[in-house]
Amino acid sequence: AGANFGFHTLEMASKVGVTGQVLAFEPQRVVFQQLCHHIFRNGVRNTWCLPMALGDTSREVPVSAWCEAVAGNVGATPI
C-alpha cells in the first residue's frame, strides 16, 4: 500500500521469488507510472501494480494532482 516508485516493492519481489506474488498499490498517477517503469526496467515478473489506494471501506476518493509545493517528494502529496 502506497508503493511509491517501488523501492520496497522491488525488494519484496526479490524476497518472495518466482513463485511468490507482490501486489503494489499506488493511487497517484505520476508516481504509479514511475512504479510501473521501475518494475519493467528491473525485469520483475511476479509483481502486479494497481492504480488505487487501500482503505477500510469501498468508495472513491479524490487523489490530488502532483503537489509541486513538496519539492522532491511527490509521495508527500496529500490524498
PDB file of N, CA and C in Angstrom:
ATOM      1  N   ALA A   1       0.859  -1.182   0.000  1.00  0.00           N
ATOM      2  CA  ALA A   1       0.000   0.000   0.000  1.00  0.00           C
ATOM      3  C   ALA A   1       0.897   1.234   0.000  1.00  0.00           C
ATOM      4  N   GLY A   2       0.609   2.172  -0.880  1.00  0.00           N
ATOM      5  CA  GLY A   2       1.472   3.343  -1.011  1.00  0.00           C
ATOM      6  C   GLY A   2       2.848   2.944  -1.512  1.00  0.00           C
ATOM      7  N   ALA A   3       2.878   2.209  -2.627  1.00  0.00           N
ATOM      8  CA  ALA A   3       4.127   1.643  -3.143  1.00  0.00           C
ATOM      9  C   ALA A   3       5.133   2.701  -3.577  1.00  0.00           C
ATOM     10  N   ASN A   4       4.657   3.916  -3.789  1.00  0.00           N
ATOM     11  CA  ASN A   4       5.520   4.991  -4.273  1.00  0.00           C
ATOM     12  C   ASN A   4       6.181   4.531  -5.567  1.00  0.00           C
ATOM     13  N   PHE A   5       7.446   4.816  -5.786  1.00  0.00           N
ATOM     14  CA  PHE A   5       8.077   4.465  -7.064  1.00  0.00           C
ATOM     15  C   PHE A   5       8.642   3.054  -7.075  1.00  0.00           C
ATOM     16  N   GLY A   6       8.521   2.310  -5.983  1.00  0.00           N
ATOM     17  CA  GLY A   6       8.829   0.888  -5.998  1.00  0.00           C
ATOM     18  C   GLY A   6      10.067   0.395  -5.290  1.00  0.00           C
ATOM     19  N   PHE A   7      10.721   1.222  -4.503  1.00  0.00           N
ATOM     20  CA  PHE A   7      11.939   0.780  -3.814  1.00  0.00           C
ATOM     21  C   PHE A   7      11.681  -0.487  -2.993  1.00  0.00           C
ATOM     22  N   HIS A   8      10.696  -0.433  -2.107  1.00  0.00           N
ATOM     23  CA  HIS A   8      10.392  -1.591  -1.264  1.00  0.00           C
ATOM     24  C   HIS A   8       9.714  -2.703  -2.073  1.00  0.00           C
ATOM     25  N   THR A   9       8.964  -2.327  -3.094  1.00  0.00           N
ATOM     26  CA  THR A   9       8.302  -3.316  -3.947  1.00  0.00           C
ATOM     27  C   THR A   9       9.335  -4.220  -4.617  1.00  0.00           C
ATOM     28  N   LEU A  10      10.394  -3.638  -5.137  1.00  0.00           N
ATOM     29  CA  LEU A  10      11.446  -4.424  -5.785  1.00  0.00           C
ATOM     30  C   LEU A  10      12.113  -5.371  -4.793  1.00  0.00           C
ATOM     31  N   GLU A  11      12.339  -4.898  -3.595  1.00  0.00           N
ATOM     32  CA  GLU A  11      12.953  -5.743  -2.567  1.00  0.00           C
ATOM     33  C   GLU A  11      12.032  -6.911  -2.207  1.00  0.00           C
ATOM     34  N   MET A  12      10.742  -6.619  -2.017  1.00  0.00           N
ATOM     35  CA  MET A  12       9.792  -7.684  -1.686  1.00  0.00           C
ATOM     36  C   MET A  12       9.676  -8.690  -2.827  1.00  0.00           C
ATOM     37  N   ALA A  13       9.692  -8.209  -4.051  1.00  0.00           N
ATOM     38  CA  ALA A  13       9.602  -9.100  -5.214  1.00  0.00           C
ATOM     39  C   ALA A  13      10.774 -10.077  -5.248  1.00  0.00           C
ATOM     40  N   SER A  14      11.952  -9.595  -4.872  1.00  0.00           N
ATOM     41  CA  SER A  14      13.111 -10.489  -4.848  1.00  0.00           C
ATOM     42  C   SER A  14      13.020 -11.484  -3.692  1.00  0.00           C
ATOM     43  N   LYS A  15      12.413 -11.104  -2.598  1.00  0.00           N
ATOM     44  CA  LYS A  15      12.303 -11.976  -1.424  1.00  0.00           C
ATOM     45  C   LYS A  15      11.295 -13.105  -1.625  1.00  0.00           C
ATOM     46  N   VAL A  16      10.178 -12.850  -2.316  1.00  0.00           N
ATOM     47  CA  VAL A  16       9.154 -13.888  -2.485  1.00  0.00           C
ATOM     48  C   VAL A  16       9.501 -14.856  -3.606  1.00  0.00           C
ATOM     49  N   GLY A  17      10.451 -14.504  -4.452  1.00  0.00           N
ATOM     50  CA  GLY A  17      10.899 -15.402  -5.507  1.00  0.00           C
ATOM     51  C   GLY A  17       9.913 -15.532  -6.657  1.00  0.00           C
ATOM     52  N   VAL A  18      10.247 -16.407  -7.602  1.00  0.00           N
ATOM     53  CA  VAL A  18       9.452 -16.531  -8.819  1.00  0.00           C
ATOM     54  C   VAL A  18       8.081 -17.149  -8.579  1.00  0.00           C
ATOM     55  N   THR A  19       7.913 -17.884  -7.496  1.00  0.00           N
ATOM     56  CA  THR A  19       6.606 -18.492  -7.206  1.00  0.00           C
ATOM     57  C   THR A  19       5.733 -17.599  -6.336  1.00  0.00           C
ATOM     58  N   GLY A  20       6.303 -16.541  -5.769  1.00  0.00           N
ATOM     59  CA  GLY A  20       5.535 -15.610  -4.936  1.00  0.00           C
ATOM     60  C   GLY A  20       4.908 -14.514  -5.770  1.00  0.00           C
ATOM     61  N   GLN A  21       4.091 -13.713  -5.121  1.00  0.00           N
ATOM     62  CA  GLN A  21       3.435 -12.593  -5.793  1.00  0.00           C
ATOM     63  C   GLN A  21       3.470 -11.364  -4.889  1.00  0.00           C
ATOM     64  N   VAL A  22       3.609 -10.201  -5.522  1.00  0.00           N
ATOM     65  CA  VAL A  22       3.569  -8.924  -4.814  1.00  0.00           C
ATOM     66  C   VAL A  22       2.497  -8.063  -5.467  1.00  0.00           C
ATOM     67  N   LEU A  23       1.648  -7.472  -4.654  1.00  0.00           N
ATOM     68  CA  LEU A  23       0.663  -6.501  -5.126  1.00  0.00           C
ATOM     69  C   LEU A  23       1.126  -5.135  -4.650  1.00  0.00           C
ATOM     70  N   ALA A  24       1.299  -4.209  -5.578  1.00  0.00           N
ATOM     71  CA  ALA A  24       1.784  -2.867  -5.251  1.00  0.00           C
ATOM     72  C   ALA A  24       0.694  -1.852  -5.588  1.00  0.00           C
ATOM     73  N   PHE A  25       0.205  -1.153  -4.593  1.00  0.00           N
ATOM     74  CA  PHE A  25      -0.870  -0.170  -4.753  1.00  0.00           C
ATOM     75  C   PHE A  25      -0.295   1.240  -4.691  1.00  0.00           C
ATOM     76  N   GLU A  26      -0.602   2.050  -5.693  1.00  0.00           N
ATOM     77  CA  GLU A  26      -0.155   3.446  -5.715  1.00  0.00           C
ATOM     78  C   GLU A  26      -1.219   4.290  -6.421  1.00  0.00           C
ATOM     79  N   PRO A  27      -1.907   5.176  -5.684  1.00  0.00           N
ATOM     80  CA  PRO A  27      -3.016   5.929  -6.260  1.00  0.00           C
ATOM     81  C   PRO A  27      -2.636   7.172  -7.073  1.00  0.00           C
ATOM     82  N   GLN A  28      -1.456   7.707  -6.899  1.00  0.00           N
ATOM     83  CA  GLN A  28      -1.087   8.930  -7.611  1.00  0.00           C
ATOM     84  C   GLN A  28      -0.576   8.586  -9.006  1.00  0.00           C
ATOM     85  N   ARG A  29      -1.196   9.175 -10.031  1.00  0.00           N
ATOM     86  CA  ARG A  29      -0.930   8.806 -11.418  1.00  0.00           C
ATOM     87  C   ARG A  29       0.546   8.869 -11.794  1.00  0.00           C
ATOM     88  N   VAL A  30       1.206   9.983 -11.546  1.00  0.00           N
ATOM     89  CA  VAL A  30       2.607  10.143 -11.946  1.00  0.00           C
ATOM     90  C   VAL A  30       3.498   9.162 -11.195  1.00  0.00           C
ATOM     91  N   VAL A  31       3.253   8.992  -9.919  1.00  0.00           N
ATOM     92  CA  VAL A  31       4.053   8.063  -9.115  1.00  0.00           C
ATOM     93  C   VAL A  31       3.781   6.624  -9.556  1.00  0.00           C
ATOM     94  N   PHE A  32       2.521   6.311  -9.874  1.00  0.00           N
ATOM     95  CA  PHE A  32       2.171   4.982 -10.375  1.00  0.00           C
ATOM     96  C   PHE A  32       2.925   4.672 -11.666  1.00  0.00           C
ATOM     97  N   GLN A  33       3.040   5.653 -12.546  1.00  0.00           N
ATOM     98  CA  GLN A  33       3.773   5.456 -13.794  1.00  0.00           C
ATOM     99  C   GLN A  33       5.252   5.178 -13.524  1.00  0.00           C
ATOM    100  N   GLN A  34       5.820   5.861 -12.541  1.00  0.00           N
ATOM    101  CA  GLN A  34       7.206   5.602 -12.156  1.00  0.00           C
ATOM    102  C   GLN A  34       7.347   4.180 -11.608  1.00  0.00           C
ATOM    103  N   LEU A  35       6.397   3.776 -10.789  1.00  0.00           N
ATOM    104  CA  LEU A  35       6.396   2.425 -10.227  1.00  0.00           C
ATOM    105  C   LEU A  35       6.405   1.383 -11.341  1.00  0.00           C
ATOM    106  N   CYS A  36       5.491   1.523 -12.289  1.00  0.00           N
ATOM    107  CA  CYS A  36       5.409   0.566 -13.405  1.00  0.00           C
ATOM    108  C   CYS A  36       6.711   0.539 -14.198  1.00  0.00           C
ATOM    109  N   HIS A  37       7.291   1.710 -14.421  1.00  0.00           N
ATOM    110  CA  HIS A  37       8.559   1.801 -15.149  1.00  0.00           C
ATOM    111  C   HIS A  37       9.663   1.037 -14.417  1.00  0.00           C
ATOM    112  N   HIS A  38       9.762   1.231 -13.104  1.00  0.00           N
ATOM    113  CA  HIS A  38      10.817   0.564 -12.341  1.00  0.00           C
ATOM    114  C   HIS A  38      10.630  -0.947 -12.322  1.00  0.00           C
ATOM    115  N   ILE A  39       9.397  -1.393 -12.231  1.00  0.00           N
ATOM    116  CA  ILE A  39       9.121  -2.838 -12.258  1.00  0.00           C
ATOM    117  C   ILE A  39       9.550  -3.413 -13.609  1.00  0.00           C
ATOM    118  N   PHE A  40       9.175  -2.734 -14.681  1.00  0.00           N
ATOM    119  CA  PHE A  40       9.536  -3.182 -16.029  1.00  0.00           C
ATOM    120  C   PHE A  40      11.046  -3.180 -16.247  1.00  0.00           C
ATOM    121  N   ARG A  41      11.701  -2.065 -15.907  1.00  0.00           N
ATOM    122  CA  ARG A  41      13.145  -1.910 -16.150  1.00  0.00           C
ATOM    123  C   ARG A  41      13.979  -2.924 -15.375  1.00  0.00           C
ATOM    124  N   ASN A  42      13.449  -3.392 -14.244  1.00  0.00           N
ATOM    125  CA  ASN A  42      14.168  -4.374 -13.436  1.00  0.00           C
ATOM    126  C   ASN A  42      13.786  -5.811 -13.776  1.00  0.00           C
ATOM    127  N   GLY A  43      12.944  -5.996 -14.793  1.00  0.00           N
ATOM    128  CA  GLY A  43      12.588  -7.333 -15.248  1.00  0.00           C
ATOM    129  C   GLY A  43      11.776  -8.137 -14.249  1.00  0.00           C
ATOM    130  N   VAL A  44      11.035  -7.451 -13.391  1.00  0.00           N
ATOM    131  CA  VAL A  44      10.241  -8.130 -12.365  1.00  0.00           C
ATOM    132  C   VAL A  44       8.987  -8.728 -13.004  1.00  0.00           C
ATOM    133  N   ARG A  45       8.748 -10.012 -12.753  1.00  0.00           N
ATOM    134  CA  ARG A  45       7.609 -10.711 -13.357  1.00  0.00           C
ATOM    135  C   ARG A  45       6.580 -11.178 -12.332  1.00  0.00           C
ATOM    136  N   ASN A  46       6.857 -11.002 -11.054  1.00  0.00           N
ATOM    137  CA  ASN A  46       5.954 -11.523 -10.020  1.00  0.00           C
ATOM    138  C   ASN A  46       5.214 -10.418  -9.268  1.00  0.00           C
ATOM    139  N   THR A  47       5.119  -9.249  -9.883  1.00  0.00           N
ATOM    140  CA  THR A  47       4.503  -8.098  -9.215  1.00  0.00           C
ATOM    141  C   THR A  47       3.404  -7.494 -10.080  1.00  0.00           C
ATOM    142  N   TRP A  48       2.295  -7.183  -9.446  1.00  0.00           N
ATOM    143  CA  TRP A  48       1.175  -6.521 -10.108  1.00  0.00           C
ATOM    144  C   TRP A  48       1.019  -5.141  -9.504  1.00  0.00           C
ATOM    145  N   CYS A  49       1.048  -4.118 -10.338  1.00  0.00           N
ATOM    146  CA  CYS A  49       0.889  -2.738  -9.895  1.00  0.00           C
ATOM    147  C   CYS A  49      -0.568  -2.322 -10.133  1.00  0.00           C
ATOM    148  N   LEU A  50      -1.173  -1.752  -9.124  1.00  0.00           N
ATOM    149  CA  LEU A  50      -2.578  -1.367  -9.195  1.00  0.00           C
ATOM    150  C   LEU A  50      -2.727   0.112  -8.854  1.00  0.00           C
ATOM    151  N   PRO A  51      -3.395   0.885  -9.732  1.00  0.00           N
ATOM    152  CA  PRO A  51      -3.516   2.337  -9.521  1.00  0.00           C
ATOM    153  C   PRO A  51      -4.673   2.683  -8.592  1.00  0.00           C
ATOM    154  N   MET A  52      -4.532   2.322  -7.328  1.00  0.00           N
ATOM    155  CA  MET A  52      -5.593   2.595  -6.365  1.00  0.00           C
ATOM    156  C   MET A  52      -5.028   2.687  -4.954  1.00  0.00           C
ATOM    157  N   ALA A  53      -5.836   3.271  -4.095  1.00  0.00           N
ATOM    158  CA  ALA A  53      -5.485   3.362  -2.677  1.00  0.00           C
ATOM    159  C   ALA A  53      -6.197   2.236  -1.936  1.00  0.00           C
ATOM    160  N   LEU A  54      -5.780   1.976  -0.717  1.00  0.00           N
ATOM    161  CA  LEU A  54      -6.435   0.995   0.129  1.00  0.00           C
ATOM    162  C   LEU A  54      -7.041   1.701   1.332  1.00  0.00           C
ATOM    163  N   GLY A  55      -8.158   1.173   1.807  1.00  0.00           N
ATOM    164  CA  GLY A  55      -8.805   1.751   2.978  1.00  0.00           C
ATOM    165  C   GLY A  55      -9.730   0.743   3.625  1.00  0.00           C
ATOM    166  N   ASP A  56     -10.428   1.178   4.651  1.00  0.00           N
ATOM    167  CA  ASP A  56     -11.296   0.261   5.385  1.00  0.00           C
ATOM    168  C   ASP A  56     -12.719   0.216   4.832  1.00  0.00           C
ATOM    169  N   THR A  57     -13.006   1.012   3.798  1.00  0.00           N
ATOM    170  CA  THR A  57     -14.301   0.976   3.131  1.00  0.00           C
ATOM    171  C   THR A  57     -14.089   1.021   1.625  1.00  0.00           C
ATOM    172  N   SER A  58     -15.086   0.543   0.905  1.00  0.00           N
ATOM    173  CA  SER A  58     -15.013   0.576  -0.553  1.00  0.00           C
ATOM    174  C   SER A  58     -15.723   1.832  -1.046  1.00  0.00           C
ATOM    175  N   ARG A  59     -14.951   2.796  -1.532  1.00  0.00           N
ATOM    176  CA  ARG A  59     -15.514   4.034  -2.051  1.00  0.00           C
ATOM    177  C   ARG A  59     -14.463   4.741  -2.895  1.00  0.00           C
ATOM    178  N   GLU A  60     -14.915   5.732  -3.618  1.00  0.00           N
ATOM    179  CA  GLU A  60     -13.980   6.536  -4.397  1.00  0.00           C
ATOM    180  C   GLU A  60     -13.559   7.755  -3.592  1.00  0.00           C
ATOM    181  N   VAL A  61     -12.293   8.097  -3.689  1.00  0.00           N
ATOM    182  CA  VAL A  61     -11.777   9.297  -3.021  1.00  0.00           C
ATOM    183  C   VAL A  61     -10.983  10.097  -4.050  1.00  0.00           C
ATOM    184  N   PRO A  62     -11.026  11.410  -3.938  1.00  0.00           N
ATOM    185  CA  PRO A  62     -10.222  12.214  -4.873  1.00  0.00           C
ATOM    186  C   PRO A  62      -8.739  12.095  -4.534  1.00  0.00           C
ATOM    187  N   VAL A  63      -7.941  12.000  -5.568  1.00  0.00           N
ATOM    188  CA  VAL A  63      -6.489  11.958  -5.386  1.00  0.00           C
ATOM    189  C   VAL A  63      -5.935  13.233  -5.990  1.00  0.00           C
ATOM    190  N   SER A  64      -5.230  13.974  -5.185  1.00  0.00           N
ATOM    191  CA  SER A  64      -4.665  15.243  -5.638  1.00  0.00           C
ATOM    192  C   SER A  64      -3.668  15.030  -6.754  1.00  0.00           C
ATOM    193  N   ALA A  65      -3.569  16.010  -7.611  1.00  0.00           N
ATOM    194  CA  ALA A  65      -2.511  16.000  -8.615  1.00  0.00           C
ATOM    195  C   ALA A  65      -1.186  16.198  -7.897  1.00  0.00           C
ATOM    196  N   TRP A  66      -0.127  15.983  -8.594  1.00  0.00           N
ATOM    197  CA  TRP A  66       1.204  16.145  -8.041  1.00  0.00           C
ATOM    198  C   TRP A  66       1.323  17.513  -7.388  1.00  0.00           C
ATOM    199  N   CYS A  67       1.732  17.540  -6.140  1.00  0.00           N
ATOM    200  CA  CYS A  67       1.851  18.772  -5.369  1.00  0.00           C
ATOM    201  C   CYS A  67       3.278  19.295  -5.470  1.00  0.00           C
ATOM    202  N   GLU A  68       3.475  20.295  -6.305  1.00  0.00           N
ATOM    203  CA  GLU A  68       4.823  20.819  -6.504  1.00  0.00           C
ATOM    204  C   GLU A  68       5.339  21.584  -5.288  1.00  0.00           C
ATOM    205  N   ALA A  69       4.452  21.864  -4.342  1.00  0.00           N
ATOM    206  CA  ALA A  69       4.881  22.568  -3.130  1.00  0.00           C
ATOM    207  C   ALA A  69       5.774  21.689  -2.268  1.00  0.00           C
ATOM    208  N   VAL A  70       5.685  20.383  -2.452  1.00  0.00           N
ATOM    209  CA  VAL A  70       6.520  19.455  -1.703  1.00  0.00           C
ATOM    210  C   VAL A  70       7.688  19.071  -2.619  1.00  0.00           C
ATOM    211  N   ALA A  71       8.634  19.958  -2.745  1.00  0.00           N
ATOM    212  CA  ALA A  71       9.736  19.793  -3.697  1.00  0.00           C
ATOM    213  C   ALA A  71      10.491  18.488  -3.464  1.00  0.00           C
ATOM    214  N   GLY A  72      10.627  17.709  -4.540  1.00  0.00           N
ATOM    215  CA  GLY A  72      11.424  16.493  -4.494  1.00  0.00           C
ATOM    216  C   GLY A  72      10.763  15.313  -3.814  1.00  0.00           C
ATOM    217  N   ASN A  73       9.491  15.440  -3.408  1.00  0.00           N
ATOM    218  CA  ASN A  73       8.847  14.340  -2.705  1.00  0.00           C
ATOM    219  C   ASN A  73       7.382  14.235  -3.121  1.00  0.00           C
ATOM    220  N   VAL A  74       7.138  13.700  -4.315  1.00  0.00           N
ATOM    221  CA  VAL A  74       5.754  13.584  -4.787  1.00  0.00           C
ATOM    222  C   VAL A  74       4.956  12.619  -3.930  1.00  0.00           C
ATOM    223  N   GLY A  75       5.626  11.720  -3.224  1.00  0.00           N
ATOM    224  CA  GLY A  75       4.925  10.806  -2.314  1.00  0.00           C
ATOM    225  C   GLY A  75       4.289  11.514  -1.134  1.00  0.00           C
ATOM    226  N   ALA A  76       4.684  12.750  -0.878  1.00  0.00           N
ATOM    227  CA  ALA A  76       4.111  13.519   0.230  1.00  0.00           C
ATOM    228  C   ALA A  76       2.861  14.302  -0.183  1.00  0.00           C
ATOM    229  N   THR A  77       2.446  14.156  -1.444  1.00  0.00           N
ATOM    230  CA  THR A  77       1.249  14.833  -1.915  1.00  0.00           C
ATOM    231  C   THR A  77       0.049  14.293  -1.146  1.00  0.00           C
ATOM    232  N   PRO A  78      -0.791  15.163  -0.609  1.00  0.00           N
ATOM    233  CA  PRO A  78      -1.930  14.682   0.195  1.00  0.00           C
ATOM    234  C   PRO A  78      -2.991  13.988  -0.674  1.00  0.00           C
ATOM    235  N   ILE A  79      -3.650  13.008  -0.078  1.00  0.00           N
ATOM    236  CA  ILE A  79      -4.768  12.318  -0.734  1.00  0.00           C
ATOM    237  C   ILE A  79      -6.033  12.702  -0.008  1.00  0.00           C
TER     238      ILE A  79
END
